[in-house]
């Protein structure tokens, strides 16, 4: 998948780098960044989430919103941090090989 023209939102804490660094990578590869989920979001990157100490529920409003949108149109891919960085690596490789 090419990150170019994808609209990406992050939720949770990334382990590998800061959210700003990850956003800069997406932007440098031609992707768009949003702070919140909307119908135009195409990828939600899910980092580590803090769970509720009493209910052990681990989620976020962004995930819940993405699920609601996907129930109607299935357009938001939810991926974990490892998958995100694999995608970035593949896109950087493609960019480098096209130079």
C-alpha atoms as a PDB file:
ATOM      1  CA  UNK A   1       0.000   0.000   0.000  1.00  0.00           C
ATOM      2  CA  UNK A   2       1.272   3.434  -0.904  1.00  0.00           C
ATOM      3  CA  UNK A   3       0.930   6.000   1.891  1.00  0.00           C
ATOM      4  CA  UNK A   4       0.656   8.785  -0.686  1.00  0.00           C
ATOM      5  CA  UNK A   5      -2.828  10.331  -0.573  1.00  0.00           C
ATOM      6  CA  UNK A   6      -3.790   8.329   2.535  1.00  0.00           C
ATOM      7  CA  UNK A   7      -5.264  10.273   5.452  1.00  0.00           C
ATOM      8  CA  UNK A   8      -3.764   9.066   8.729  1.00  0.00           C
ATOM      9  CA  UNK A   9      -4.799   9.492  12.375  1.00  0.00           C
ATOM     10  CA  UNK A  10      -2.826   8.259  15.389  1.00  0.00           C
ATOM     11  CA  UNK A  11      -4.187   7.098  18.735  1.00  0.00           C
ATOM     12  CA  UNK A  12      -2.312   5.830  21.761  1.00  0.00           C
ATOM     13  CA  UNK A  13       1.388   6.146  22.484  1.00  0.00           C
ATOM     14  CA  UNK A  14       3.960   5.098  19.915  1.00  0.00           C
ATOM     15  CA  UNK A  15       6.969   3.249  21.297  1.00  0.00           C
ATOM     16  CA  UNK A  16       9.406   3.634  18.406  1.00  0.00           C
ATOM     17  CA  UNK A  17       9.228   7.412  17.961  1.00  0.00           C
ATOM     18  CA  UNK A  18       7.153  10.422  18.885  1.00  0.00           C
ATOM     19  CA  UNK A  19       3.807  11.042  17.232  1.00  0.00           C
ATOM     20  CA  UNK A  20       5.198  14.213  15.623  1.00  0.00           C
ATOM     21  CA  UNK A  21       8.037  12.231  14.055  1.00  0.00           C
ATOM     22  CA  UNK A  22       5.615   9.606  12.730  1.00  0.00           C
ATOM     23  CA  UNK A  23       3.355  12.343  11.353  1.00  0.00           C
ATOM     24  CA  UNK A  24       6.350  13.957   9.641  1.00  0.00           C
ATOM     25  CA  UNK A  25       7.166  10.643   7.942  1.00  0.00           C
ATOM     26  CA  UNK A  26       3.605  10.316   6.654  1.00  0.00           C
ATOM     27  CA  UNK A  27       3.643  13.899   5.406  1.00  0.00           C
ATOM     28  CA  UNK A  28       7.048  13.476   3.717  1.00  0.00           C
ATOM     29  CA  UNK A  29       5.701  10.460   1.813  1.00  0.00           C
ATOM     30  CA  UNK A  30       2.697  12.392   0.507  1.00  0.00           C
ATOM     31  CA  UNK A  31       0.144  11.371   3.111  1.00  0.00           C
ATOM     32  CA  UNK A  32      -2.195  13.642   5.024  1.00  0.00           C
ATOM     33  CA  UNK A  33      -2.511  13.915   8.795  1.00  0.00           C
ATOM     34  CA  UNK A  34      -5.680  14.459  10.809  1.00  0.00           C
ATOM     35  CA  UNK A  35      -5.990  14.856  14.555  1.00  0.00           C
ATOM     36  CA  UNK A  36      -9.436  13.263  14.720  1.00  0.00           C
ATOM     37  CA  UNK A  37     -11.289  10.512  12.882  1.00  0.00           C
ATOM     38  CA  UNK A  38     -13.640  11.548  10.088  1.00  0.00           C
ATOM     39  CA  UNK A  39     -15.166   9.973   7.003  1.00  0.00           C
ATOM     40  CA  UNK A  40     -12.068  11.041   5.036  1.00  0.00           C
ATOM     41  CA  UNK A  41      -9.710   9.098   7.340  1.00  0.00           C
ATOM     42  CA  UNK A  42      -8.242   6.054   5.606  1.00  0.00           C
ATOM     43  CA  UNK A  43      -5.766   4.734   8.220  1.00  0.00           C
ATOM     44  CA  UNK A  44      -5.902   4.708  12.022  1.00  0.00           C
ATOM     45  CA  UNK A  45      -2.566   3.815  13.622  1.00  0.00           C
ATOM     46  CA  UNK A  46      -3.130   2.343  17.075  1.00  0.00           C
ATOM     47  CA  UNK A  47      -0.252   2.658  19.535  1.00  0.00           C
ATOM     48  CA  UNK A  48      -0.247   1.568  23.182  1.00  0.00           C
ATOM     49  CA  UNK A  49      -3.446   2.521  24.956  1.00  0.00           C
ATOM     50  CA  UNK A  50      -3.997   3.127  28.638  1.00  0.00           C
ATOM     51  CA  UNK A  51      -6.648   0.827  30.040  1.00  0.00           C
ATOM     52  CA  UNK A  52      -9.267   1.634  32.640  1.00  0.00           C
ATOM     53  CA  UNK A  53      -7.846   0.354  35.937  1.00  0.00           C
ATOM     54  CA  UNK A  54     -11.237  -0.820  37.211  1.00  0.00           C
ATOM     55  CA  UNK A  55     -12.883  -2.282  34.107  1.00  0.00           C
ATOM     56  CA  UNK A  56      -9.689  -3.270  32.245  1.00  0.00           C
ATOM     57  CA  UNK A  57     -11.279  -1.729  29.139  1.00  0.00           C
ATOM     58  CA  UNK A  58      -8.650  -0.654  26.631  1.00  0.00           C
ATOM     59  CA  UNK A  59      -9.998   1.533  23.850  1.00  0.00           C
ATOM     60  CA  UNK A  60     -10.112   5.088  22.630  1.00  0.00           C
ATOM     61  CA  UNK A  61     -12.749   7.414  21.253  1.00  0.00           C
ATOM     62  CA  UNK A  62     -10.879   7.391  17.943  1.00  0.00           C
ATOM     63  CA  UNK A  63     -11.179   3.595  17.703  1.00  0.00           C
ATOM     64  CA  UNK A  64     -14.855   3.730  18.631  1.00  0.00           C
ATOM     65  CA  UNK A  65     -15.502   6.408  16.002  1.00  0.00           C
ATOM     66  CA  UNK A  66     -13.582   4.433  13.356  1.00  0.00           C
ATOM     67  CA  UNK A  67     -15.662   1.338  14.124  1.00  0.00           C
ATOM     68  CA  UNK A  68     -18.891   3.327  13.737  1.00  0.00           C
ATOM     69  CA  UNK A  69     -17.745   4.745  10.390  1.00  0.00           C
ATOM     70  CA  UNK A  70     -16.602   1.309   9.229  1.00  0.00           C
ATOM     71  CA  UNK A  71     -20.020  -0.135  10.113  1.00  0.00           C
ATOM     72  CA  UNK A  72     -21.415   2.179   7.447  1.00  0.00           C
ATOM     73  CA  UNK A  73     -18.715   2.263   4.764  1.00  0.00           C
ATOM     74  CA  UNK A  74     -15.619   0.167   5.686  1.00  0.00           C
ATOM     75  CA  UNK A  75     -13.058   2.766   4.714  1.00  0.00           C
ATOM     76  CA  UNK A  76     -10.738   3.065   7.720  1.00  0.00           C
ATOM     77  CA  UNK A  77      -7.920   0.534   8.046  1.00  0.00           C
ATOM     78  CA  UNK A  78      -6.859   0.087  11.672  1.00  0.00           C
ATOM     79  CA  UNK A  79      -3.232  -0.961  11.981  1.00  0.00           C
ATOM     80  CA  UNK A  80      -0.805  -1.358  14.863  1.00  0.00           C
ATOM     81  CA  UNK A  81       2.527   0.420  15.197  1.00  0.00           C
ATOM     82  CA  UNK A  82       4.537  -2.504  13.808  1.00  0.00           C
ATOM     83  CA  UNK A  83       2.395  -2.614  10.659  1.00  0.00           C
ATOM     84  CA  UNK A  84       2.629   1.169  10.322  1.00  0.00           C
ATOM     85  CA  UNK A  85       6.432   1.129  10.394  1.00  0.00           C
ATOM     86  CA  UNK A  86       6.538  -1.760   7.944  1.00  0.00           C
ATOM     87  CA  UNK A  87       4.343   0.334   5.630  1.00  0.00           C
ATOM     88  CA  UNK A  88       6.639   3.342   6.056  1.00  0.00           C
ATOM     89  CA  UNK A  89       9.713   1.179   5.383  1.00  0.00           C
ATOM     90  CA  UNK A  90       8.145  -0.215   2.202  1.00  0.00           C
ATOM     91  CA  UNK A  91       7.235   3.295   1.033  1.00  0.00           C
ATOM     92  CA  UNK A  92      10.738   4.597   1.728  1.00  0.00           C
ATOM     93  CA  UNK A  93      12.190   1.671  -0.215  1.00  0.00           C
ATOM     94  CA  UNK A  94       9.901   2.409  -3.181  1.00  0.00           C
ATOM     95  CA  UNK A  95      10.829   6.089  -3.048  1.00  0.00           C
ATOM     96  CA  UNK A  96      14.542   5.268  -2.945  1.00  0.00           C
ATOM     97  CA  UNK A  97      14.326   2.754  -5.801  1.00  0.00           C
ATOM     98  CA  UNK A  98      12.557   5.338  -7.995  1.00  0.00           C
ATOM     99  CA  UNK A  99      15.339   7.921  -7.620  1.00  0.00           C
END
